[in-house]
Amino acid sequence: MELTKRLLFLDDIRYPIEAYHYTKQDIFLRKDWHIVRNYEQFINRILEKGLPKMISFDHDLADEHYLEPDSQKFIEKTGYDSAKWLVEYCMDNYLDLPEFYCHSMNPVGKENIESLLNNFKNCN
């Protein structure tokens, strides 16, 4: 397992230093973040390298992730979808959830991600 890049930052456009500016969380000043930009990169990184020590989630991973016109179908997977995948991966492999933070500026999406992960953590 890789010893560096043990922090995983899921965000389609921002970098960790940008999250520091509005969260004031010192963890975002570290230089050993590995950045993934979408759901597929998130999954592939974990499957290839294993669980990181910590994951920071953004919710909105693309402008067009919301709905296709005249349908209820989402186009792009969100940070919430990534968090759901992570919970299932941890359950299937009998792994503890890594530390997590949600730096999303979407308050509803942030609450949904945090609720999902906290509920899973508290049930284990």
C-alpha atoms as a PDB file:
ATOM      1  CA  MET A   1       0.000   0.000   0.000  1.00  0.00           C
ATOM      2  CA  GLU A   2       1.266   3.439  -0.914  1.00  0.00           C
ATOM      3  CA  LEU A   3       2.574   5.450   2.019  1.00  0.00           C
ATOM      4  CA  THR A   4       2.194   8.880   0.472  1.00  0.00           C
ATOM      5  CA  LYS A   5      -0.979  10.371  -0.919  1.00  0.00           C
ATOM      6  CA  ARG A   6      -2.979   8.854   1.899  1.00  0.00           C
ATOM      7  CA  LEU A   7      -5.432  11.729   1.724  1.00  0.00           C
ATOM      8  CA  LEU A   8      -8.065  11.626  -1.020  1.00  0.00           C
ATOM      9  CA  PHE A   9      -9.747  14.828  -2.226  1.00  0.00           C
ATOM     10  CA  LEU A  10     -12.871  14.382  -4.379  1.00  0.00           C
ATOM     11  CA  ASP A  11     -13.738  17.580  -6.242  1.00  0.00           C
ATOM     12  CA  ASP A  12     -14.346  18.323  -9.905  1.00  0.00           C
ATOM     13  CA  ILE A  13     -12.624  21.720  -9.973  1.00  0.00           C
ATOM     14  CA  ARG A  14     -11.149  22.801  -6.652  1.00  0.00           C
ATOM     15  CA  TYR A  15      -7.814  22.001  -5.017  1.00  0.00           C
ATOM     16  CA  PRO A  16      -7.332  21.394  -1.286  1.00  0.00           C
ATOM     17  CA  ILE A  17      -5.834  24.857  -0.702  1.00  0.00           C
ATOM     18  CA  GLU A  18      -9.060  26.380  -2.044  1.00  0.00           C
ATOM     19  CA  ALA A  19     -11.100  24.340   0.456  1.00  0.00           C
ATOM     20  CA  TYR A  20      -8.848  25.705   3.207  1.00  0.00           C
ATOM     21  CA  HIS A  21      -9.825  29.281   2.314  1.00  0.00           C
ATOM     22  CA  TYR A  22     -13.484  28.743   3.204  1.00  0.00           C
ATOM     23  CA  THR A  23     -13.284  25.892   5.739  1.00  0.00           C
ATOM     24  CA  LYS A  24     -10.181  27.090   7.660  1.00  0.00           C
ATOM     25  CA  GLN A  25      -9.358  23.399   8.255  1.00  0.00           C
ATOM     26  CA  ASP A  26      -5.565  22.980   8.480  1.00  0.00           C
ATOM     27  CA  ILE A  27      -5.745  19.502   6.933  1.00  0.00           C
ATOM     28  CA  PHE A  28      -6.229  21.218   3.561  1.00  0.00           C
ATOM     29  CA  LEU A  29      -2.777  22.835   3.856  1.00  0.00           C
ATOM     30  CA  ARG A  30      -1.089  19.442   3.550  1.00  0.00           C
ATOM     31  CA  LYS A  31       0.696  18.654   0.298  1.00  0.00           C
ATOM     32  CA  ASP A  32       0.016  14.901   0.225  1.00  0.00           C
ATOM     33  CA  TRP A  33      -3.534  14.978  -1.114  1.00  0.00           C
ATOM     34  CA  HIS A  34      -4.365  12.835  -4.122  1.00  0.00           C
ATOM     35  CA  ILE A  35      -7.068  14.575  -6.156  1.00  0.00           C
ATOM     36  CA  VAL A  36      -9.808  12.719  -8.004  1.00  0.00           C
ATOM     37  CA  ARG A  37     -12.268  14.611 -10.151  1.00  0.00           C
ATOM     38  CA  ASN A  38     -15.246  12.268 -10.514  1.00  0.00           C
ATOM     39  CA  TYR A  39     -16.990   9.116  -9.301  1.00  0.00           C
ATOM     40  CA  GLU A  40     -15.057   6.769 -11.590  1.00  0.00           C
ATOM     41  CA  GLN A  41     -11.654   8.150 -10.546  1.00  0.00           C
ATOM     42  CA  PHE A  42     -12.720   7.887  -6.897  1.00  0.00           C
ATOM     43  CA  ILE A  43     -13.624   4.207  -7.201  1.00  0.00           C
ATOM     44  CA  ASN A  44     -10.585   3.333  -9.303  1.00  0.00           C
ATOM     45  CA  ARG A  45      -8.203   5.011  -6.861  1.00  0.00           C
ATOM     46  CA  ILE A  46      -9.575   3.063  -3.898  1.00  0.00           C
ATOM     47  CA  LEU A  47      -9.643  -0.229  -5.804  1.00  0.00           C
ATOM     48  CA  GLU A  48      -6.038   0.265  -6.941  1.00  0.00           C
ATOM     49  CA  LYS A  49      -4.493   1.741  -3.766  1.00  0.00           C
ATOM     50  CA  GLY A  50      -6.840   0.720  -0.949  1.00  0.00           C
ATOM     51  CA  LEU A  51      -8.604   2.986   1.484  1.00  0.00           C
ATOM     52  CA  PRO A  52      -6.857   6.264   2.232  1.00  0.00           C
ATOM     53  CA  LYS A  53      -6.423   7.590   5.750  1.00  0.00           C
ATOM     54  CA  MET A  54      -8.913  10.374   5.015  1.00  0.00           C
ATOM     55  CA  ILE A  55     -11.334  11.403   2.271  1.00  0.00           C
ATOM     56  CA  SER A  56     -12.745  14.875   1.713  1.00  0.00           C
ATOM     57  CA  PHE A  57     -15.924  15.005  -0.378  1.00  0.00           C
ATOM     58  CA  ASP A  58     -17.437  17.566  -2.674  1.00  0.00           C
ATOM     59  CA  HIS A  59     -21.056  16.899  -3.598  1.00  0.00           C
ATOM     60  CA  ASP A  60     -21.503  18.530  -7.005  1.00  0.00           C
ATOM     61  CA  LEU A  61     -19.030  16.879  -9.350  1.00  0.00           C
ATOM     62  CA  ALA A  62     -20.303  18.440 -12.575  1.00  0.00           C
ATOM     63  CA  ASP A  63     -22.628  21.278 -13.514  1.00  0.00           C
ATOM     64  CA  GLU A  64     -24.811  18.890 -15.452  1.00  0.00           C
ATOM     65  CA  HIS A  65     -25.088  16.240 -12.733  1.00  0.00           C
ATOM     66  CA  TYR A  66     -28.571  17.322 -11.813  1.00  0.00           C
ATOM     67  CA  LEU A  67     -31.347  16.140 -14.105  1.00  0.00           C
ATOM     68  CA  GLU A  68     -31.751  15.416 -17.751  1.00  0.00           C
ATOM     69  CA  PRO A  69     -34.400  17.705 -19.212  1.00  0.00           C
ATOM     70  CA  ASP A  70     -37.930  16.361 -18.652  1.00  0.00           C
ATOM     71  CA  SER A  71     -36.781  13.380 -16.587  1.00  0.00           C
ATOM     72  CA  GLN A  72     -35.868  12.366 -13.078  1.00  0.00           C
ATOM     73  CA  LYS A  73     -32.619  10.718 -14.176  1.00  0.00           C
ATOM     74  CA  PHE A  74     -29.278  12.050 -12.946  1.00  0.00           C
ATOM     75  CA  ILE A  75     -26.621  12.443 -15.608  1.00  0.00           C
ATOM     76  CA  GLU A  76     -23.424  12.564 -13.540  1.00  0.00           C
ATOM     77  CA  LYS A  77     -22.702  10.787 -10.262  1.00  0.00           C
ATOM     78  CA  THR A  78     -22.234  13.026  -7.230  1.00  0.00           C
ATOM     79  CA  GLY A  79     -20.121  12.972  -4.103  1.00  0.00           C
ATOM     80  CA  TYR A  80     -23.117  11.387  -2.389  1.00  0.00           C
ATOM     81  CA  ASP A  81     -22.990   8.508  -4.900  1.00  0.00           C
ATOM     82  CA  SER A  82     -19.288   8.169  -4.103  1.00  0.00           C
ATOM     83  CA  ALA A  83     -20.031   8.066  -0.377  1.00  0.00           C
ATOM     84  CA  LYS A  84     -22.707   5.377  -0.937  1.00  0.00           C
ATOM     85  CA  TRP A  85     -20.204   3.318  -2.918  1.00  0.00           C
ATOM     86  CA  LEU A  86     -17.647   3.745  -0.114  1.00  0.00           C
ATOM     87  CA  VAL A  87     -20.096   2.491   2.517  1.00  0.00           C
ATOM     88  CA  GLU A  88     -20.924  -0.576   0.406  1.00  0.00           C
ATOM     89  CA  TYR A  89     -17.221  -1.220  -0.252  1.00  0.00           C
ATOM     90  CA  CYS A  90     -16.424  -1.055   3.470  1.00  0.00           C
ATOM     91  CA  MET A  91     -19.350  -3.348   4.334  1.00  0.00           C
ATOM     92  CA  ASP A  92     -18.482  -5.883   1.624  1.00  0.00           C
ATOM     93  CA  ASN A  93     -14.812  -5.989   2.658  1.00  0.00           C
ATOM     94  CA  TYR A  94     -15.293  -5.712   6.452  1.00  0.00           C
ATOM     95  CA  LEU A  95     -13.329  -2.451   6.562  1.00  0.00           C
ATOM     96  CA  ASP A  96     -13.611   0.522   8.857  1.00  0.00           C
ATOM     97  CA  LEU A  97     -14.644   3.769   7.254  1.00  0.00           C
ATOM     98  CA  PRO A  98     -11.686   6.126   6.837  1.00  0.00           C
ATOM     99  CA  GLU A  99     -11.774   9.558   8.416  1.00  0.00           C
ATOM    100  CA  PHE A 100     -13.876  11.885   6.303  1.00  0.00           C
ATOM    101  CA  TYR A 101     -14.728  15.519   5.802  1.00  0.00           C
ATOM    102  CA  CYS A 102     -17.172  17.168   3.447  1.00  0.00           C
ATOM    103  CA  HIS A 103     -15.911  20.436   1.983  1.00  0.00           C
ATOM    104  CA  SER A 104     -18.878  20.847  -0.392  1.00  0.00           C
ATOM    105  CA  MET A 105     -20.441  24.283  -0.673  1.00  0.00           C
ATOM    106  CA  ASN A 106     -23.816  22.644  -1.384  1.00  0.00           C
ATOM    107  CA  PRO A 107     -25.425  22.630   2.094  1.00  0.00           C
ATOM    108  CA  VAL A 108     -28.024  19.939   1.314  1.00  0.00           C
ATOM    109  CA  GLY A 109     -25.511  17.721  -0.459  1.00  0.00           C
ATOM    110  CA  LYS A 110     -23.026  18.196   2.380  1.00  0.00           C
ATOM    111  CA  GLU A 111     -25.606  17.243   4.995  1.00  0.00           C
ATOM    112  CA  ASN A 112     -26.626  14.158   2.993  1.00  0.00           C
ATOM    113  CA  ILE A 113     -23.027  12.924   2.690  1.00  0.00           C
ATOM    114  CA  GLU A 114     -22.250  13.569   6.357  1.00  0.00           C
ATOM    115  CA  SER A 115     -25.483  11.890   7.510  1.00  0.00           C
ATOM    116  CA  LEU A 116     -24.847   8.797   5.401  1.00  0.00           C
ATOM    117  CA  LEU A 117     -21.252   8.381   6.574  1.00  0.00           C
ATOM    118  CA  ASN A 118     -21.973   9.202  10.229  1.00  0.00           C
ATOM    119  CA  ASN A 119     -24.862   6.732  10.312  1.00  0.00           C
ATOM    120  CA  PHE A 120     -22.657   3.983   8.901  1.00  0.00           C
ATOM    121  CA  LYS A 121     -19.820   4.836  11.297  1.00  0.00           C
ATOM    122  CA  ASN A 122     -22.166   4.824  14.293  1.00  0.00           C
ATOM    123  CA  CYS A 123     -23.683   1.456  13.347  1.00  0.00           C
ATOM    124  CA  ASN A 124     -20.292  -0.295  13.290  1.00  0.00           C
END
